[in-house]
């Protein structure tokens, strides 16, 4: 009985670790997308300002 309890505990720990890894990866992807959008807008603003100067 103790063996099955240990196996079940290990499976639960593995599922929790996989879930947390997925959540952290999803948060990083969202933050990366937001930063990419901000940098694209900043680059566009710089390009427009550079075009207006000429």
PDB file of N, CA and C in Angstrom:
ATOM      1  N   UNK A   1       0.835  -1.197   0.000  1.00  0.00           N
ATOM      2  CA  UNK A   1       0.000   0.000   0.000  1.00  0.00           C
ATOM      3  C   UNK A   1       0.875   1.255   0.000  1.00  0.00           C
ATOM      4  N   UNK A   2       1.971   1.211   0.740  1.00  0.00           N
ATOM      5  CA  UNK A   2       2.850   2.367   0.840  1.00  0.00           C
ATOM      6  C   UNK A   2       3.478   2.691  -0.519  1.00  0.00           C
ATOM      7  N   UNK A   3       3.781   1.623  -1.299  1.00  0.00           N
ATOM      8  CA  UNK A   3       4.385   1.808  -2.617  1.00  0.00           C
ATOM      9  C   UNK A   3       3.447   2.590  -3.539  1.00  0.00           C
ATOM     10  N   UNK A   4       2.167   2.245  -3.521  1.00  0.00           N
ATOM     11  CA  UNK A   4       1.189   2.940  -4.363  1.00  0.00           C
ATOM     12  C   UNK A   4       1.021   4.396  -3.933  1.00  0.00           C
ATOM     13  N   UNK A   5       1.107   4.639  -2.643  1.00  0.00           N
ATOM     14  CA  UNK A   5       0.991   5.994  -2.112  1.00  0.00           C
ATOM     15  C   UNK A   5       2.153   6.858  -2.616  1.00  0.00           C
ATOM     16  N   UNK A   6       3.354   6.294  -2.597  1.00  0.00           N
ATOM     17  CA  UNK A   6       4.537   7.024  -3.080  1.00  0.00           C
ATOM     18  C   UNK A   6       4.418   7.292  -4.573  1.00  0.00           C
ATOM     19  N   UNK A   7       3.971   6.306  -5.339  1.00  0.00           N
ATOM     20  CA  UNK A   7       3.801   6.478  -6.789  1.00  0.00           C
ATOM     21  C   UNK A   7       2.755   7.558  -7.072  1.00  0.00           C
ATOM     22  N   UNK A   8       1.642   7.526  -6.349  1.00  0.00           N
ATOM     23  CA  UNK A   8       0.589   8.526  -6.537  1.00  0.00           C
ATOM     24  C   UNK A   8       1.110   9.918  -6.196  1.00  0.00           C
ATOM     25  N   UNK A   9       1.882  10.031  -5.124  1.00  0.00           N
ATOM     26  CA  UNK A   9       2.452  11.317  -4.724  1.00  0.00           C
ATOM     27  C   UNK A   9       3.405  11.839  -5.799  1.00  0.00           C
ATOM     28  N   UNK A  10       4.240  10.964  -6.342  1.00  0.00           N
ATOM     29  CA  UNK A  10       5.168  11.373  -7.396  1.00  0.00           C
ATOM     30  C   UNK A  10       4.427  11.828  -8.650  1.00  0.00           C
ATOM     31  N   UNK A  11       3.351  11.127  -8.987  1.00  0.00           N
ATOM     32  CA  UNK A  11       2.547  11.510 -10.154  1.00  0.00           C
ATOM     33  C   UNK A  11       1.909  12.875  -9.932  1.00  0.00           C
ATOM     34  N   UNK A  12       1.366  13.106  -8.741  1.00  0.00           N
ATOM     35  CA  UNK A  12       0.748  14.399  -8.421  1.00  0.00           C
ATOM     36  C   UNK A  12       1.788  15.515  -8.488  1.00  0.00           C
ATOM     37  N   UNK A  13       2.976  15.283  -7.937  1.00  0.00           N
ATOM     38  CA  UNK A  13       4.056  16.280  -7.978  1.00  0.00           C
ATOM     39  C   UNK A  13       4.453  16.566  -9.424  1.00  0.00           C
ATOM     40  N   UNK A  14       4.552  15.523 -10.263  1.00  0.00           N
ATOM     41  CA  UNK A  14       4.909  15.711 -11.666  1.00  0.00           C
ATOM     42  C   UNK A  14       3.853  16.544 -12.393  1.00  0.00           C
ATOM     43  N   UNK A  15       2.571  16.286 -12.125  1.00  0.00           N
ATOM     44  CA  UNK A  15       1.487  17.053 -12.757  1.00  0.00           C
ATOM     45  C   UNK A  15       1.535  18.513 -12.318  1.00  0.00           C
ATOM     46  N   UNK A  16       1.775  18.757 -11.025  1.00  0.00           N
ATOM     47  CA  UNK A  16       1.859  20.131 -10.512  1.00  0.00           C
ATOM     48  C   UNK A  16       3.029  20.871 -11.146  1.00  0.00           C
ATOM     49  N   UNK A  17       4.183  20.221 -11.231  1.00  0.00           N
ATOM     50  CA  UNK A  17       5.363  20.850 -11.843  1.00  0.00           C
ATOM     51  C   UNK A  17       5.104  21.167 -13.317  1.00  0.00           C
ATOM     52  N   UNK A  18       4.489  20.237 -14.043  1.00  0.00           N
ATOM     53  CA  UNK A  18       4.174  20.476 -15.451  1.00  0.00           C
ATOM     54  C   UNK A  18       3.191  21.633 -15.598  1.00  0.00           C
ATOM     55  N   UNK A  19       2.197  21.699 -14.729  1.00  0.00           N
ATOM     56  CA  UNK A  19       1.198  22.772 -14.775  1.00  0.00           C
ATOM     57  C   UNK A  19       1.840  24.126 -14.497  1.00  0.00           C
ATOM     58  N   UNK A  20       2.681  24.206 -13.460  1.00  0.00           N
ATOM     59  CA  UNK A  20       3.360  25.459 -13.126  1.00  0.00           C
ATOM     60  C   UNK A  20       4.298  25.883 -14.247  1.00  0.00           C
ATOM     61  N   UNK A  21       5.004  24.927 -14.848  1.00  0.00           N
ATOM     62  CA  UNK A  21       5.888  25.232 -15.971  1.00  0.00           C
ATOM     63  C   UNK A  21       5.090  25.821 -17.126  1.00  0.00           C
ATOM     64  N   UNK A  22       3.921  25.244 -17.412  1.00  0.00           N
ATOM     65  CA  UNK A  22       3.061  25.748 -18.483  1.00  0.00           C
ATOM     66  C   UNK A  22       2.581  27.164 -18.184  1.00  0.00           C
ATOM     67  N   UNK A  23       2.167  27.415 -16.942  1.00  0.00           N
ATOM     68  CA  UNK A  23       1.673  28.745 -16.549  1.00  0.00           C
ATOM     69  C   UNK A  23       2.786  29.780 -16.674  1.00  0.00           C
ATOM     70  N   UNK A  24       3.987  29.442 -16.181  1.00  0.00           N
ATOM     71  CA  UNK A  24       5.116  30.376 -16.252  1.00  0.00           C
ATOM     72  C   UNK A  24       5.472  30.662 -17.703  1.00  0.00           C
ATOM     73  N   UNK A  25       5.468  29.627 -18.547  1.00  0.00           N
ATOM     74  CA  UNK A  25       5.768  29.821 -19.969  1.00  0.00           C
ATOM     75  C   UNK A  25       4.711  30.702 -20.625  1.00  0.00           C
ATOM     76  N   UNK A  26       3.448  30.502 -20.284  1.00  0.00           N
ATOM     77  CA  UNK A  26       2.377  31.314 -20.860  1.00  0.00           C
ATOM     78  C   UNK A  26       2.531  32.778 -20.445  1.00  0.00           C
ATOM     79  N   UNK A  27       2.879  33.019 -19.179  1.00  0.00           N
ATOM     80  CA  UNK A  27       3.079  34.396 -18.705  1.00  0.00           C
ATOM     81  C   UNK A  27       4.255  35.036 -19.435  1.00  0.00           C
ATOM     82  N   UNK A  28       5.345  34.286 -19.626  1.00  0.00           N
ATOM     83  CA  UNK A  28       6.507  34.824 -20.336  1.00  0.00           C
ATOM     84  C   UNK A  28       6.160  35.153 -21.781  1.00  0.00           C
ATOM     85  N   UNK A  29       5.345  34.311 -22.426  1.00  0.00           N
ATOM     86  CA  UNK A  29       4.943  34.573 -23.816  1.00  0.00           C
ATOM     87  C   UNK A  29       4.103  35.844 -23.887  1.00  0.00           C
ATOM     88  N   UNK A  30       3.190  36.027 -22.939  1.00  0.00           N
ATOM     89  CA  UNK A  30       2.350  37.238 -22.925  1.00  0.00           C
ATOM     90  C   UNK A  30       3.207  38.479 -22.703  1.00  0.00           C
ATOM     91  N   UNK A  31       4.117  38.423 -21.730  1.00  0.00           N
ATOM     92  CA  UNK A  31       4.996  39.571 -21.457  1.00  0.00           C
ATOM     93  C   UNK A  31       5.875  39.856 -22.678  1.00  0.00           C
ATOM     94  N   UNK A  32       6.397  38.822 -23.300  1.00  0.00           N
ATOM     95  CA  UNK A  32       7.216  38.993 -24.496  1.00  0.00           C
ATOM     96  C   UNK A  32       6.426  39.623 -25.630  1.00  0.00           C
ATOM     97  N   UNK A  33       5.192  39.206 -25.798  1.00  0.00           N
ATOM     98  CA  UNK A  33       4.348  39.788 -26.846  1.00  0.00           C
ATOM     99  C   UNK A  33       4.069  41.265 -26.593  1.00  0.00           C
ATOM    100  N   UNK A  34       3.805  41.612 -25.330  1.00  0.00           N
ATOM    101  CA  UNK A  34       3.556  43.015 -24.987  1.00  0.00           C
ATOM    102  C   UNK A  34       4.811  43.847 -25.242  1.00  0.00           C
ATOM    103  N   UNK A  35       5.971  43.353 -24.808  1.00  0.00           N
ATOM    104  CA  UNK A  35       7.226  44.093 -25.017  1.00  0.00           C
ATOM    105  C   UNK A  35       7.555  44.215 -26.503  1.00  0.00           C
ATOM    106  N   UNK A  36       7.260  43.173 -27.267  1.00  0.00           N
ATOM    107  CA  UNK A  36       7.487  43.228 -28.712  1.00  0.00           C
ATOM    108  C   UNK A  36       6.592  44.283 -29.352  1.00  0.00           C
ATOM    109  N   UNK A  37       5.343  44.353 -28.924  1.00  0.00           N
ATOM    110  CA  UNK A  37       4.428  45.379 -29.435  1.00  0.00           C
ATOM    111  C   UNK A  37       4.887  46.782 -29.079  1.00  0.00           C
ATOM    112  N   UNK A  38       5.335  46.979 -27.833  1.00  0.00           N
ATOM    113  CA  UNK A  38       5.828  48.294 -27.406  1.00  0.00           C
ATOM    114  C   UNK A  38       7.054  48.688 -28.217  1.00  0.00           C
ATOM    115  N   UNK A  39       7.980  47.756 -28.416  1.00  0.00           N
ATOM    116  CA  UNK A  39       9.191  48.077 -29.177  1.00  0.00           C
ATOM    117  C   UNK A  39       8.851  48.358 -30.634  1.00  0.00           C
ATOM    118  N   UNK A  40       7.861  47.669 -31.204  1.00  0.00           N
ATOM    119  CA  UNK A  40       7.449  47.935 -32.579  1.00  0.00           C
ATOM    120  C   UNK A  40       6.842  49.332 -32.707  1.00  0.00           C
ATOM    121  N   UNK A  41       6.033  49.734 -31.735  1.00  0.00           N
ATOM    122  CA  UNK A  41       5.437  51.078 -31.745  1.00  0.00           C
ATOM    123  C   UNK A  41       6.528  52.138 -31.596  1.00  0.00           C
ATOM    124  N   UNK A  42       7.498  51.892 -30.706  1.00  0.00           N
ATOM    125  CA  UNK A  42       8.599  52.840 -30.511  1.00  0.00           C
ATOM    126  C   UNK A  42       9.429  52.959 -31.785  1.00  0.00           C
ATOM    127  N   UNK A  43       9.700  51.850 -32.425  1.00  0.00           N
ATOM    128  CA  UNK A  43      10.465  51.868 -33.677  1.00  0.00           C
ATOM    129  C   UNK A  43       9.701  52.617 -34.762  1.00  0.00           C
ATOM    130  N   UNK A  44       8.402  52.415 -34.835  1.00  0.00           N
ATOM    131  CA  UNK A  44       7.570  53.130 -35.803  1.00  0.00           C
ATOM    132  C   UNK A  44       7.585  54.633 -35.522  1.00  0.00           C
ATOM    133  N   UNK A  45       7.512  55.010 -34.247  1.00  0.00           N
ATOM    134  CA  UNK A  45       7.551  56.426 -33.875  1.00  0.00           C
ATOM    135  C   UNK A  45       8.891  57.053 -34.268  1.00  0.00           C
ATOM    136  N   UNK A  46       9.980  56.352 -34.014  1.00  0.00           N
ATOM    137  CA  UNK A  46      11.311  56.849 -34.397  1.00  0.00           C
ATOM    138  C   UNK A  46      11.402  57.003 -35.899  1.00  0.00           C
ATOM    139  N   UNK A  47      10.879  56.031 -36.640  1.00  0.00           N
ATOM    140  CA  UNK A  47      10.928  56.088 -38.104  1.00  0.00           C
ATOM    141  C   UNK A  47      10.109  57.268 -38.629  1.00  0.00           C
ATOM    142  N   UNK A  48       8.928  57.503 -38.034  1.00  0.00           N
ATOM    143  CA  UNK A  48       8.080  58.630 -38.456  1.00  0.00           C
ATOM    144  C   UNK A  48       8.776  59.955 -38.155  1.00  0.00           C
ATOM    145  N   UNK A  49       9.364  60.078 -36.955  1.00  0.00           N
ATOM    146  CA  UNK A  49      10.070  61.307 -36.600  1.00  0.00           C
ATOM    147  C   UNK A  49      11.247  61.539 -37.560  1.00  0.00           C
ATOM    148  N   UNK A  50      11.950  60.480 -37.936  1.00  0.00           N
ATOM    149  CA  UNK A  50      13.092  60.571 -38.834  1.00  0.00           C
ATOM    150  C   UNK A  50      12.629  61.018 -40.231  1.00  0.00           C
ATOM    151  N   UNK A  51      11.461  60.521 -40.653  1.00  0.00           N
ATOM    152  CA  UNK A  51      10.915  60.884 -41.965  1.00  0.00           C
ATOM    153  C   UNK A  51      10.460  62.346 -41.977  1.00  0.00           C
ATOM    154  N   UNK A  52       9.880  62.819 -40.872  1.00  0.00           N
ATOM    155  CA  UNK A  52       9.369  64.196 -40.793  1.00  0.00           C
ATOM    156  C   UNK A  52      10.535  65.198 -40.821  1.00  0.00           C
ATOM    157  N   UNK A  53      11.682  64.827 -40.210  1.00  0.00           N
ATOM    158  CA  UNK A  53      12.829  65.735 -40.147  1.00  0.00           C
ATOM    159  C   UNK A  53      13.351  66.097 -41.547  1.00  0.00           C
ATOM    160  N   UNK A  54      13.278  65.160 -42.481  1.00  0.00           N
ATOM    161  CA  UNK A  54      13.847  65.388 -43.820  1.00  0.00           C
ATOM    162  C   UNK A  54      13.043  66.386 -44.619  1.00  0.00           C
TER     163      UNK A  54
END
